[in-house]
PDB file of all heavy atoms in Angstrom:
ATOM      1  N   ILE A   1      14.985 -10.407  -4.803  1.00  0.00           N
ATOM      2  CA  ILE A   1      14.159 -10.385  -3.682  1.00  0.00           C
ATOM      3  C   ILE A   1      12.942 -11.270  -3.984  1.00  0.00           C
ATOM      4  O   ILE A   1      12.409 -11.148  -5.075  1.00  0.00           O
ATOM      5  CB  ILE A   1      13.600  -8.846  -3.356  1.00  0.00           C
ATOM      6  CG1 ILE A   1      14.880  -7.994  -3.098  1.00  0.00           C
ATOM      7  CG2 ILE A   1      12.588  -8.832  -2.251  1.00  0.00           C
ATOM      8  CD1 ILE A   1      14.407  -6.545  -2.977  1.00  0.00           C
ATOM      9  N   TYR A   2      12.718 -12.187  -3.016  1.00  0.00           N
ATOM     10  CA  TYR A   2      11.720 -13.245  -3.186  1.00  0.00           C
ATOM     11  C   TYR A   2      10.606 -12.941  -2.118  1.00  0.00           C
ATOM     12  O   TYR A   2      11.074 -12.825  -0.870  1.00  0.00           O
ATOM     13  CB  TYR A   2      12.167 -14.584  -3.125  1.00  0.00           C
ATOM     14  CG  TYR A   2      12.716 -15.162  -4.356  1.00  0.00           C
ATOM     15  CD1 TYR A   2      14.125 -14.825  -4.736  1.00  0.00           C
ATOM     16  CD2 TYR A   2      11.986 -15.957  -5.265  1.00  0.00           C
ATOM     17  CE1 TYR A   2      14.569 -15.265  -5.868  1.00  0.00           C
ATOM     18  CE2 TYR A   2      12.577 -16.463  -6.307  1.00  0.00           C
ATOM     19  CZ  TYR A   2      13.872 -16.183  -6.675  1.00  0.00           C
ATOM     20  OH  TYR A   2      14.462 -16.609  -7.947  1.00  0.00           O
ATOM     21  N   LEU A   3       9.447 -12.923  -2.408  1.00  0.00           N
ATOM     22  CA  LEU A   3       8.295 -12.998  -1.460  1.00  0.00           C
ATOM     23  C   LEU A   3       7.539 -14.384  -1.554  1.00  0.00           C
ATOM     24  O   LEU A   3       6.916 -14.541  -2.652  1.00  0.00           O
ATOM     25  CB  LEU A   3       7.267 -11.770  -1.652  1.00  0.00           C
ATOM     26  CG  LEU A   3       7.822 -10.385  -1.709  1.00  0.00           C
ATOM     27  CD1 LEU A   3       6.786  -9.382  -1.827  1.00  0.00           C
ATOM     28  CD2 LEU A   3       8.682 -10.152  -0.443  1.00  0.00           C
ATOM     29  N   GLY A   4       7.714 -15.109  -0.556  1.00  0.00           N
ATOM     30  CA  GLY A   4       7.526 -16.566  -0.767  1.00  0.00           C
ATOM     31  C   GLY A   4       8.201 -17.134  -1.920  1.00  0.00           C
ATOM     32  O   GLY A   4       9.420 -17.081  -1.881  1.00  0.00           O
ATOM     33  N   ASP A   5       7.567 -17.756  -2.890  1.00  0.00           N
ATOM     34  CA  ASP A   5       8.295 -18.440  -3.952  1.00  0.00           C
ATOM     35  C   ASP A   5       8.334 -17.547  -5.197  1.00  0.00           C
ATOM     36  O   ASP A   5       8.720 -17.891  -6.327  1.00  0.00           O
ATOM     37  CB  ASP A   5       7.768 -19.727  -4.341  1.00  0.00           C
ATOM     38  CG  ASP A   5       6.243 -19.719  -4.626  1.00  0.00           C
ATOM     39  OD1 ASP A   5       5.677 -18.624  -4.680  1.00  0.00           O
ATOM     40  OD2 ASP A   5       5.700 -20.747  -4.942  1.00  0.00           O
ATOM     41  N   ARG A   6       7.849 -16.279  -5.115  1.00  0.00           N
ATOM     42  CA  ARG A   6       7.751 -15.329  -6.245  1.00  0.00           C
ATOM     43  C   ARG A   6       8.999 -14.418  -6.143  1.00  0.00           C
ATOM     44  O   ARG A   6       9.422 -13.758  -5.293  1.00  0.00           O
ATOM     45  CB  ARG A   6       6.638 -14.530  -6.141  1.00  0.00           C
ATOM     46  CG  ARG A   6       5.334 -15.101  -6.496  1.00  0.00           C
ATOM     47  CD  ARG A   6       4.193 -14.127  -6.715  1.00  0.00           C
ATOM     48  NE  ARG A   6       4.126 -13.041  -5.702  1.00  0.00           N
ATOM     49  CZ  ARG A   6       3.673 -11.889  -5.870  1.00  0.00           C
ATOM     50  NH1 ARG A   6       3.434 -11.420  -7.138  1.00  0.00           N
ATOM     51  NH2 ARG A   6       3.668 -10.986  -4.929  1.00  0.00           N
ATOM     52  N   ASN A   7       9.791 -14.346  -7.307  1.00  0.00           N
ATOM     53  CA  ASN A   7      10.745 -13.325  -7.545  1.00  0.00           C
ATOM     54  C   ASN A   7      10.163 -11.945  -7.903  1.00  0.00           C
ATOM     55  O   ASN A   7       9.685 -11.863  -8.951  1.00  0.00           O
ATOM     56  CB  ASN A   7      11.755 -13.742  -8.663  1.00  0.00           C
ATOM     57  CG  ASN A   7      12.875 -12.803  -8.774  1.00  0.00           C
ATOM     58  OD1 ASN A   7      12.867 -11.758  -8.364  1.00  0.00           O
ATOM     59  ND2 ASN A   7      13.919 -13.333  -9.467  1.00  0.00           N
ATOM     60  N   VAL A   8      10.257 -11.025  -6.922  1.00  0.00           N
ATOM     61  CA  VAL A   8       9.457  -9.712  -7.073  1.00  0.00           C
ATOM     62  C   VAL A   8      10.499  -8.664  -7.446  1.00  0.00           C
ATOM     63  O   VAL A   8      10.101  -7.447  -7.435  1.00  0.00           O
ATOM     64  CB  VAL A   8       8.652  -9.468  -5.961  1.00  0.00           C
ATOM     65  CG1 VAL A   8       7.669 -10.451  -5.756  1.00  0.00           C
ATOM     66  CG2 VAL A   8       9.544  -9.185  -4.634  1.00  0.00           C
ATOM     67  N   THR A   9      11.799  -8.946  -7.728  1.00  0.00           N
ATOM     68  CA  THR A   9      12.727  -7.985  -7.831  1.00  0.00           C
ATOM     69  C   THR A   9      12.315  -6.882  -8.831  1.00  0.00           C
ATOM     70  O   THR A   9      12.546  -5.653  -8.587  1.00  0.00           O
ATOM     71  CB  THR A   9      14.081  -8.559  -8.334  1.00  0.00           C
ATOM     72  OG1 THR A   9      14.317  -9.692  -7.417  1.00  0.00           O
ATOM     73  CG2 THR A   9      15.269  -7.613  -8.307  1.00  0.00           C
ATOM     74  N   ASP A  10      11.758  -7.279  -9.970  1.00  0.00           N
ATOM     75  CA  ASP A  10      11.420  -6.341 -11.015  1.00  0.00           C
ATOM     76  C   ASP A  10       9.973  -5.932 -11.089  1.00  0.00           C
ATOM     77  O   ASP A  10       9.452  -5.205 -11.934  1.00  0.00           O
ATOM     78  CB  ASP A  10      11.730  -6.929 -12.323  1.00  0.00           C
ATOM     79  CG  ASP A  10      13.286  -7.089 -12.399  1.00  0.00           C
ATOM     80  OD1 ASP A  10      14.019  -6.307 -11.905  1.00  0.00           O
ATOM     81  OD2 ASP A  10      13.609  -8.161 -12.970  1.00  0.00           O
ATOM     82  N   LEU A  11       9.127  -6.321  -9.966  1.00  0.00           N
ATOM     83  CA  LEU A  11       7.740  -6.125  -9.862  1.00  0.00           C
ATOM     84  C   LEU A  11       7.465  -4.587  -9.433  1.00  0.00           C
ATOM     85  O   LEU A  11       8.151  -4.324  -8.319  1.00  0.00           O
ATOM     86  CB  LEU A  11       6.958  -7.068  -9.119  1.00  0.00           C
ATOM     87  CG  LEU A  11       6.806  -8.452  -9.737  1.00  0.00           C
ATOM     88  CD1 LEU A  11       5.948  -9.397  -8.763  1.00  0.00           C
ATOM     89  CD2 LEU A  11       6.092  -8.407 -11.065  1.00  0.00           C
ATOM     90  N   PRO A  12       6.461  -3.992  -9.884  1.00  0.00           N
ATOM     91  CA  PRO A  12       6.156  -2.641  -9.235  1.00  0.00           C
ATOM     92  C   PRO A  12       5.447  -2.869  -7.910  1.00  0.00           C
ATOM     93  O   PRO A  12       4.974  -3.947  -7.556  1.00  0.00           O
ATOM     94  CB  PRO A  12       5.179  -2.109 -10.236  1.00  0.00           C
ATOM     95  CG  PRO A  12       4.585  -3.217 -10.980  1.00  0.00           C
ATOM     96  CD  PRO A  12       5.630  -4.271 -11.028  1.00  0.00           C
ATOM     97  N   PRO A  13       5.443  -1.795  -7.123  1.00  0.00           N
ATOM     98  CA  PRO A  13       4.747  -1.924  -5.714  1.00  0.00           C
ATOM     99  C   PRO A  13       3.375  -2.580  -5.750  1.00  0.00           C
ATOM    100  O   PRO A  13       3.080  -3.244  -4.831  1.00  0.00           O
ATOM    101  CB  PRO A  13       4.833  -0.511  -5.206  1.00  0.00           C
ATOM    102  CG  PRO A  13       5.976   0.225  -5.933  1.00  0.00           C
ATOM    103  CD  PRO A  13       5.922  -0.425  -7.261  1.00  0.00           C
ATOM    104  N   ASN A  14       2.491  -2.005  -6.668  1.00  0.00           N
ATOM    105  CA  ASN A  14       1.171  -2.647  -6.673  1.00  0.00           C
ATOM    106  C   ASN A  14       0.952  -4.088  -7.016  1.00  0.00           C
ATOM    107  O   ASN A  14      -0.098  -4.588  -6.878  1.00  0.00           O
ATOM    108  CB  ASN A  14       0.313  -1.673  -7.551  1.00  0.00           C
ATOM    109  CG  ASN A  14       0.767  -1.814  -9.064  1.00  0.00           C
ATOM    110  OD1 ASN A  14       1.909  -1.824  -9.373  1.00  0.00           O
ATOM    111  ND2 ASN A  14      -0.275  -1.804  -9.969  1.00  0.00           N
ATOM    112  N   LYS A  15       2.090  -4.712  -7.401  1.00  0.00           N
ATOM    113  CA  LYS A  15       1.966  -6.104  -7.732  1.00  0.00           C
ATOM    114  C   LYS A  15       2.567  -7.098  -6.611  1.00  0.00           C
ATOM    115  O   LYS A  15       2.575  -8.336  -6.686  1.00  0.00           O
ATOM    116  CB  LYS A  15       2.697  -6.340  -9.016  1.00  0.00           C
ATOM    117  CG  LYS A  15       2.231  -5.715 -10.207  1.00  0.00           C
ATOM    118  CD  LYS A  15       0.820  -6.088 -10.634  1.00  0.00           C
ATOM    119  CE  LYS A  15       0.342  -5.437 -11.930  1.00  0.00           C
ATOM    120  NZ  LYS A  15      -0.941  -5.858 -12.191  1.00  0.00           N
ATOM    121  N   ARG A  16       2.846  -6.454  -5.433  1.00  0.00           N
ATOM    122  CA  ARG A  16       3.498  -7.201  -4.409  1.00  0.00           C
ATOM    123  C   ARG A  16       2.669  -7.541  -3.279  1.00  0.00           C
ATOM    124  O   ARG A  16       3.084  -8.210  -2.350  1.00  0.00           O
ATOM    125  CB  ARG A  16       4.784  -6.479  -3.916  1.00  0.00           C
ATOM    126  CG  ARG A  16       5.698  -6.136  -5.122  1.00  0.00           C
ATOM    127  CD  ARG A  16       7.284  -5.743  -4.502  1.00  0.00           C
ATOM    128  NE  ARG A  16       8.064  -5.349  -5.646  1.00  0.00           N
ATOM    129  CZ  ARG A  16       9.374  -5.154  -5.513  1.00  0.00           C
ATOM    130  NH1 ARG A  16       9.918  -5.458  -4.280  1.00  0.00           N
ATOM    131  NH2 ARG A  16      10.028  -4.887  -6.466  1.00  0.00           N
ATOM    132  N   ASN A  17       1.489  -6.910  -3.056  1.00  0.00           N
ATOM    133  CA  ASN A  17       0.512  -7.215  -1.876  1.00  0.00           C
ATOM    134  C   ASN A  17       1.211  -6.900  -0.640  1.00  0.00           C
ATOM    135  O   ASN A  17       1.306  -7.765   0.294  1.00  0.00           O
ATOM    136  CB  ASN A  17       0.020  -8.580  -1.951  1.00  0.00           C
ATOM    137  CG  ASN A  17      -1.183  -8.718  -1.039  1.00  0.00           C
ATOM    138  OD1 ASN A  17      -1.983  -7.852  -0.891  1.00  0.00           O
ATOM    139  ND2 ASN A  17      -1.324  -9.933  -0.527  1.00  0.00           N
ATOM    140  N   ILE A  18       1.805  -5.656  -0.615  1.00  0.00           N
ATOM    141  CA  ILE A  18       2.527  -5.275   0.659  1.00  0.00           C
ATOM    142  C   ILE A  18       1.748  -4.099   1.252  1.00  0.00           C
ATOM    143  O   ILE A  18       1.581  -3.125   0.628  1.00  0.00           O
ATOM    144  CB  ILE A  18       3.997  -4.879   0.371  1.00  0.00           C
ATOM    145  CG1 ILE A  18       4.647  -6.248   0.004  1.00  0.00           C
ATOM    146  CG2 ILE A  18       4.657  -4.159   1.493  1.00  0.00           C
ATOM    147  CD1 ILE A  18       6.216  -5.999  -0.347  1.00  0.00           C
ATOM    148  N   GLY A  19       1.548  -4.148   2.538  1.00  0.00           N
ATOM    149  CA  GLY A  19       1.148  -2.894   3.283  1.00  0.00           C
ATOM    150  C   GLY A  19       2.261  -2.061   3.894  1.00  0.00           C
ATOM    151  O   GLY A  19       3.298  -2.629   4.339  1.00  0.00           O
ATOM    152  N   LEU A  20       2.191  -0.732   3.697  1.00  0.00           N
ATOM    153  CA  LEU A  20       3.498   0.079   4.097  1.00  0.00           C
ATOM    154  C   LEU A  20       2.836   1.233   4.973  1.00  0.00           C
ATOM    155  O   LEU A  20       1.881   1.869   4.693  1.00  0.00           O
ATOM    156  CB  LEU A  20       4.141   0.610   2.913  1.00  0.00           C
ATOM    157  CG  LEU A  20       5.328   1.447   3.153  1.00  0.00           C
ATOM    158  CD1 LEU A  20       6.309   0.888   4.053  1.00  0.00           C
ATOM    159  CD2 LEU A  20       5.868   2.046   1.700  1.00  0.00           C
ATOM    160  N   VAL A  21       3.578   1.434   6.207  1.00  0.00           N
ATOM    161  CA  VAL A  21       3.234   2.565   6.946  1.00  0.00           C
ATOM    162  C   VAL A  21       4.398   3.331   7.031  1.00  0.00           C
ATOM    163  O   VAL A  21       5.572   2.931   7.546  1.00  0.00           O
ATOM    164  CB  VAL A  21       2.771   2.126   8.425  1.00  0.00           C
ATOM    165  CG1 VAL A  21       2.484   3.294   9.354  1.00  0.00           C
ATOM    166  CG2 VAL A  21       1.561   1.275   8.237  1.00  0.00           C
ATOM    167  N   PHE A  22       4.328   4.705   6.765  1.00  0.00           N
ATOM    168  CA  PHE A  22       5.465   5.641   6.832  1.00  0.00           C
ATOM    169  C   PHE A  22       5.474   6.377   8.224  1.00  0.00           C
ATOM    170  O   PHE A  22       4.488   6.456   8.843  1.00  0.00           O
ATOM    171  CB  PHE A  22       5.307   6.624   5.691  1.00  0.00           C
ATOM    172  CG  PHE A  22       5.308   6.131   4.221  1.00  0.00           C
ATOM    173  CD1 PHE A  22       4.105   5.958   3.659  1.00  0.00           C
ATOM    174  CD2 PHE A  22       6.561   5.903   3.571  1.00  0.00           C
ATOM    175  CE1 PHE A  22       4.244   5.340   2.298  1.00  0.00           C
ATOM    176  CE2 PHE A  22       6.614   5.421   2.369  1.00  0.00           C
ATOM    177  CZ  PHE A  22       5.411   5.153   1.737  1.00  0.00           C
ATOM    178  N   GLN A  23       6.663   6.885   8.419  1.00  0.00           N
ATOM    179  CA  GLN A  23       6.790   7.787   9.636  1.00  0.00           C
ATOM    180  C   GLN A  23       5.882   8.944   9.668  1.00  0.00           C
ATOM    181  O   GLN A  23       5.270   9.356  10.590  1.00  0.00           O
ATOM    182  CB  GLN A  23       8.199   8.227   9.811  1.00  0.00           C
ATOM    183  CG  GLN A  23       8.442   9.027  11.092  1.00  0.00           C
ATOM    184  CD  GLN A  23       9.891   9.519  11.279  1.00  0.00           C
ATOM    185  OE1 GLN A  23      10.722   9.142  10.475  1.00  0.00           O
ATOM    186  NE2 GLN A  23      10.165  10.264  12.343  1.00  0.00           N
ATOM    187  N   SER A  24       5.571   9.488   8.474  1.00  0.00           N
ATOM    188  CA  SER A  24       4.775  10.724   8.265  1.00  0.00           C
ATOM    189  C   SER A  24       3.373  10.518   8.199  1.00  0.00           C
ATOM    190  O   SER A  24       2.506  11.330   8.150  1.00  0.00           O
ATOM    191  CB  SER A  24       5.188  11.485   6.983  1.00  0.00           C
ATOM    192  OG  SER A  24       5.056  10.616   5.845  1.00  0.00           O
ATOM    193  N   PHE A  25       3.031   9.102   8.108  1.00  0.00           N
ATOM    194  CA  PHE A  25       1.723   8.631   8.033  1.00  0.00           C
ATOM    195  C   PHE A  25       1.016   8.817   6.635  1.00  0.00           C
ATOM    196  O   PHE A  25       0.358   7.882   6.189  1.00  0.00           O
ATOM    197  CB  PHE A  25       0.710   9.155   9.100  1.00  0.00           C
ATOM    198  CG  PHE A  25       1.128   9.053  10.503  1.00  0.00           C
ATOM    199  CD1 PHE A  25       0.809  10.065  11.449  1.00  0.00           C
ATOM    200  CD2 PHE A  25       1.900   7.985  10.914  1.00  0.00           C
ATOM    201  CE1 PHE A  25       1.294   9.960  12.764  1.00  0.00           C
ATOM    202  CE2 PHE A  25       2.314   7.884  12.202  1.00  0.00           C
ATOM    203  CZ  PHE A  25       2.058   8.880  13.169  1.00  0.00           C
ATOM    204  N   ALA A  26       1.373   9.868   5.918  1.00  0.00           N
ATOM    205  CA  ALA A  26       1.025  10.155   4.574  1.00  0.00           C
ATOM    206  C   ALA A  26      -0.573   9.998   4.429  1.00  0.00           C
ATOM    207  O   ALA A  26      -1.013   9.423   3.455  1.00  0.00           O
ATOM    208  CB  ALA A  26       1.786   9.215   3.595  1.00  0.00           C
ATOM    209  N   LEU A  27      -1.464  10.571   5.210  1.00  0.00           N
ATOM    210  CA  LEU A  27      -2.872  10.459   5.227  1.00  0.00           C
ATOM    211  C   LEU A  27      -3.464  11.539   4.377  1.00  0.00           C
ATOM    212  O   LEU A  27      -2.671  12.601   4.234  1.00  0.00           O
ATOM    213  CB  LEU A  27      -3.355  10.449   6.707  1.00  0.00           C
ATOM    214  CG  LEU A  27      -3.010   9.252   7.531  1.00  0.00           C
ATOM    215  CD1 LEU A  27      -3.477   9.534   8.964  1.00  0.00           C
ATOM    216  CD2 LEU A  27      -3.392   8.025   7.001  1.00  0.00           C
ATOM    217  N   PHE A  28      -4.638  11.404   3.928  1.00  0.00           N
ATOM    218  CA  PHE A  28      -5.203  12.475   3.077  1.00  0.00           C
ATOM    219  C   PHE A  28      -6.116  13.276   3.919  1.00  0.00           C
ATOM    220  O   PHE A  28      -7.003  12.843   4.538  1.00  0.00           O
ATOM    221  CB  PHE A  28      -6.224  11.732   2.076  1.00  0.00           C
ATOM    222  CG  PHE A  28      -5.433  10.850   1.014  1.00  0.00           C
ATOM    223  CD1 PHE A  28      -5.753   9.527   1.119  1.00  0.00           C
ATOM    224  CD2 PHE A  28      -4.675  11.256   0.191  1.00  0.00           C
ATOM    225  CE1 PHE A  28      -5.134   8.650   0.219  1.00  0.00           C
ATOM    226  CE2 PHE A  28      -3.989  10.523  -0.747  1.00  0.00           C
ATOM    227  CZ  PHE A  28      -4.272   9.188  -0.709  1.00  0.00           C
ATOM    228  N   PRO A  29      -5.683  14.572   4.193  1.00  0.00           N
ATOM    229  CA  PRO A  29      -6.260  15.497   5.229  1.00  0.00           C
ATOM    230  C   PRO A  29      -7.643  15.920   4.804  1.00  0.00           C
ATOM    231  O   PRO A  29      -8.489  16.052   5.714  1.00  0.00           O
ATOM    232  CB  PRO A  29      -5.259  16.622   5.185  1.00  0.00           C
ATOM    233  CG  PRO A  29      -4.732  16.713   3.775  1.00  0.00           C
ATOM    234  CD  PRO A  29      -4.431  15.226   3.491  1.00  0.00           C
ATOM    235  N   HIS A  30      -8.085  15.814   3.475  1.00  0.00           N
ATOM    236  CA  HIS A  30      -9.450  16.159   3.121  1.00  0.00           C
ATOM    237  C   HIS A  30     -10.355  15.021   3.255  1.00  0.00           C
ATOM    238  O   HIS A  30     -11.625  15.261   3.192  1.00  0.00           O
ATOM    239  CB  HIS A  30      -9.442  16.630   1.713  1.00  0.00           C
ATOM    240  CG  HIS A  30      -8.973  15.600   0.747  1.00  0.00           C
ATOM    241  ND1 HIS A  30      -7.807  15.193   0.542  1.00  0.00           N
ATOM    242  CD2 HIS A  30      -9.825  14.979  -0.163  1.00  0.00           C
ATOM    243  CE1 HIS A  30      -7.703  14.237  -0.358  1.00  0.00           C
ATOM    244  NE2 HIS A  30      -8.870  13.935  -0.807  1.00  0.00           N
ATOM    245  N   MET A  31      -9.926  13.878   3.693  1.00  0.00           N
ATOM    246  CA  MET A  31     -10.756  12.649   3.848  1.00  0.00           C
ATOM    247  C   MET A  31     -11.049  12.411   5.277  1.00  0.00           C
ATOM    248  O   MET A  31     -10.175  12.702   6.085  1.00  0.00           O
ATOM    249  CB  MET A  31     -10.161  11.471   3.129  1.00  0.00           C
ATOM    250  CG  MET A  31     -10.081  11.424   1.671  1.00  0.00           C
ATOM    251  SD  MET A  31      -9.415   9.882   1.040  1.00  0.00           S
ATOM    252  CE  MET A  31      -9.308  10.128  -0.680  1.00  0.00           C
ATOM    253  N   SER A  32     -12.112  11.548   5.507  1.00  0.00           N
ATOM    254  CA  SER A  32     -12.459  11.241   6.923  1.00  0.00           C
ATOM    255  C   SER A  32     -11.488   9.835   7.167  1.00  0.00           C
ATOM    256  O   SER A  32     -10.896   9.471   6.262  1.00  0.00           O
ATOM    257  CB  SER A  32     -13.867  10.824   7.071  1.00  0.00           C
ATOM    258  OG  SER A  32     -14.130   9.629   6.207  1.00  0.00           O
ATOM    259  N   VAL A  33     -11.652   9.510   8.468  1.00  0.00           N
ATOM    260  CA  VAL A  33     -10.891   8.317   8.802  1.00  0.00           C
ATOM    261  C   VAL A  33     -11.282   7.180   7.831  1.00  0.00           C
ATOM    262  O   VAL A  33     -10.524   6.406   7.334  1.00  0.00           O
ATOM    263  CB  VAL A  33     -11.161   7.959  10.281  1.00  0.00           C
ATOM    264  CG1 VAL A  33     -10.723   6.515  10.667  1.00  0.00           C
ATOM    265  CG2 VAL A  33     -10.476   8.999  11.221  1.00  0.00           C
ATOM    266  N   ARG A  34     -12.697   6.979   7.810  1.00  0.00           N
ATOM    267  CA  ARG A  34     -13.286   5.863   6.993  1.00  0.00           C
ATOM    268  C   ARG A  34     -12.689   6.046   5.574  1.00  0.00           C
ATOM    269  O   ARG A  34     -12.455   5.028   4.959  1.00  0.00           O
ATOM    270  CB  ARG A  34     -14.725   5.853   7.058  1.00  0.00           C
ATOM    271  CG  ARG A  34     -15.426   4.896   6.222  1.00  0.00           C
ATOM    272  CD  ARG A  34     -16.943   4.713   6.456  1.00  0.00           C
ATOM    273  NE  ARG A  34     -17.199   4.304   7.780  1.00  0.00           N
ATOM    274  CZ  ARG A  34     -17.337   2.995   8.120  1.00  0.00           C
ATOM    275  NH1 ARG A  34     -17.053   2.120   7.228  1.00  0.00           N
ATOM    276  NH2 ARG A  34     -17.603   2.758   9.285  1.00  0.00           N
ATOM    277  N   GLU A  35     -12.780   7.111   4.984  1.00  0.00           N
ATOM    278  CA  GLU A  35     -12.363   7.311   3.581  1.00  0.00           C
ATOM    279  C   GLU A  35     -10.861   7.033   3.404  1.00  0.00           C
ATOM    280  O   GLU A  35     -10.540   6.380   2.440  1.00  0.00           O
ATOM    281  CB  GLU A  35     -12.771   8.792   3.195  1.00  0.00           C
ATOM    282  CG  GLU A  35     -14.254   8.980   2.974  1.00  0.00           C
ATOM    283  CD  GLU A  35     -14.412  10.500   2.830  1.00  0.00           C
ATOM    284  OE1 GLU A  35     -13.689  11.297   3.268  1.00  0.00           O
ATOM    285  OE2 GLU A  35     -15.654  10.784   2.262  1.00  0.00           O
ATOM    286  N   ASN A  36     -10.111   7.371   4.371  1.00  0.00           N
ATOM    287  CA  ASN A  36      -8.658   7.040   4.213  1.00  0.00           C
ATOM    288  C   ASN A  36      -8.466   5.546   4.209  1.00  0.00           C
ATOM    289  O   ASN A  36      -7.667   5.141   3.439  1.00  0.00           O
ATOM    290  CB  ASN A  36      -7.914   7.718   5.337  1.00  0.00           C
ATOM    291  CG  ASN A  36      -7.285   9.039   5.070  1.00  0.00           C
ATOM    292  OD1 ASN A  36      -6.240   9.079   4.478  1.00  0.00           O
ATOM    293  ND2 ASN A  36      -7.990  10.130   5.385  1.00  0.00           N
ATOM    294  N   VAL A  37      -9.054   4.932   5.207  1.00  0.00           N
ATOM    295  CA  VAL A  37      -8.851   3.369   5.336  1.00  0.00           C
ATOM    296  C   VAL A  37      -9.531   2.627   4.095  1.00  0.00           C
ATOM    297  O   VAL A  37      -8.996   1.711   3.564  1.00  0.00           O
ATOM    298  CB  VAL A  37      -9.590   2.982   6.652  1.00  0.00           C
ATOM    299  CG1 VAL A  37      -9.450   1.375   6.702  1.00  0.00           C
ATOM    300  CG2 VAL A  37      -8.924   3.567   7.788  1.00  0.00           C
ATOM    301  N   ALA A  38     -10.588   3.190   3.482  1.00  0.00           N
ATOM    302  CA  ALA A  38     -11.222   2.560   2.412  1.00  0.00           C
ATOM    303  C   ALA A  38     -10.450   2.722   1.020  1.00  0.00           C
ATOM    304  O   ALA A  38     -10.757   2.105   0.209  1.00  0.00           O
ATOM    305  CB  ALA A  38     -12.645   3.111   2.184  1.00  0.00           C
ATOM    306  N   PHE A  39      -9.566   3.758   1.048  1.00  0.00           N
ATOM    307  CA  PHE A  39      -8.935   4.118  -0.215  1.00  0.00           C
ATOM    308  C   PHE A  39      -8.225   3.062  -0.999  1.00  0.00           C
ATOM    309  O   PHE A  39      -8.416   2.785  -2.171  1.00  0.00           O
ATOM    310  CB  PHE A  39      -7.985   5.267   0.068  1.00  0.00           C
ATOM    311  CG  PHE A  39      -7.295   5.816  -1.175  1.00  0.00           C
ATOM    312  CD1 PHE A  39      -7.997   6.633  -1.990  1.00  0.00           C
ATOM    313  CD2 PHE A  39      -5.971   5.448  -1.505  1.00  0.00           C
ATOM    314  CE1 PHE A  39      -7.270   7.254  -3.152  1.00  0.00           C
ATOM    315  CE2 PHE A  39      -5.386   5.930  -2.660  1.00  0.00           C
ATOM    316  CZ  PHE A  39      -6.045   6.759  -3.565  1.00  0.00           C
ATOM    317  N   PRO A  40      -7.373   2.226  -0.319  1.00  0.00           N
ATOM    318  CA  PRO A  40      -6.798   1.108  -0.939  1.00  0.00           C
ATOM    319  C   PRO A  40      -7.817   0.139  -1.654  1.00  0.00           C
ATOM    320  O   PRO A  40      -7.420  -0.529  -2.743  1.00  0.00           O
ATOM    321  CB  PRO A  40      -5.889   0.366   0.131  1.00  0.00           C
ATOM    322  CG  PRO A  40      -5.789   1.404   1.132  1.00  0.00           C
ATOM    323  CD  PRO A  40      -7.053   2.170   1.140  1.00  0.00           C
ATOM    324  N   LEU A  41      -8.956  -0.016  -1.096  1.00  0.00           N
ATOM    325  CA  LEU A  41      -9.898  -0.955  -1.617  1.00  0.00           C
ATOM    326  C   LEU A  41     -10.635  -0.262  -2.813  1.00  0.00           C
ATOM    327  O   LEU A  41     -11.038  -0.982  -3.860  1.00  0.00           O
ATOM    328  CB  LEU A  41     -11.053  -1.286  -0.641  1.00  0.00           C
ATOM    329  CG  LEU A  41     -10.537  -1.972   0.699  1.00  0.00           C
ATOM    330  CD1 LEU A  41     -11.478  -2.309   1.694  1.00  0.00           C
ATOM    331  CD2 LEU A  41      -9.636  -3.234   0.253  1.00  0.00           C
ATOM    332  N   LYS A  42     -10.896   0.993  -2.720  1.00  0.00           N
ATOM    333  CA  LYS A  42     -11.661   1.679  -3.910  1.00  0.00           C
ATOM    334  C   LYS A  42     -10.681   1.741  -5.122  1.00  0.00           C
ATOM    335  O   LYS A  42     -11.079   1.619  -6.179  1.00  0.00           O
ATOM    336  CB  LYS A  42     -11.878   3.137  -3.492  1.00  0.00           C
ATOM    337  CG  LYS A  42     -13.003   3.245  -2.438  1.00  0.00           C
ATOM    338  CD  LYS A  42     -13.390   4.678  -2.122  1.00  0.00           C
ATOM    339  CE  LYS A  42     -14.614   4.740  -1.163  1.00  0.00           C
ATOM    340  NZ  LYS A  42     -15.754   4.212  -1.700  1.00  0.00           N
ATOM    341  N   ILE A  43      -9.294   1.970  -4.952  1.00  0.00           N
ATOM    342  CA  ILE A  43      -8.506   1.880  -6.151  1.00  0.00           C
ATOM    343  C   ILE A  43      -8.388   0.563  -6.750  1.00  0.00           C
ATOM    344  O   ILE A  43      -8.015   0.354  -7.839  1.00  0.00           O
ATOM    345  CB  ILE A  43      -7.081   2.467  -5.836  1.00  0.00           C
ATOM    346  CG1 ILE A  43      -6.369   1.745  -4.818  1.00  0.00           C
ATOM    347  CG2 ILE A  43      -7.222   3.963  -5.385  1.00  0.00           C
ATOM    348  CD1 ILE A  43      -4.949   2.148  -4.617  1.00  0.00           C
TER     349      ILE A  43
END
């Protein structure tokens, strides 16, 4: 699997710069909208 000119076959998800939306949404119920959206930037 190549993303652009990078072979990412063995790379973990956090090294691929991919956004993913699930059917279940997988949101954090204890967080606000802003906190949910900010989460990827905080980590």
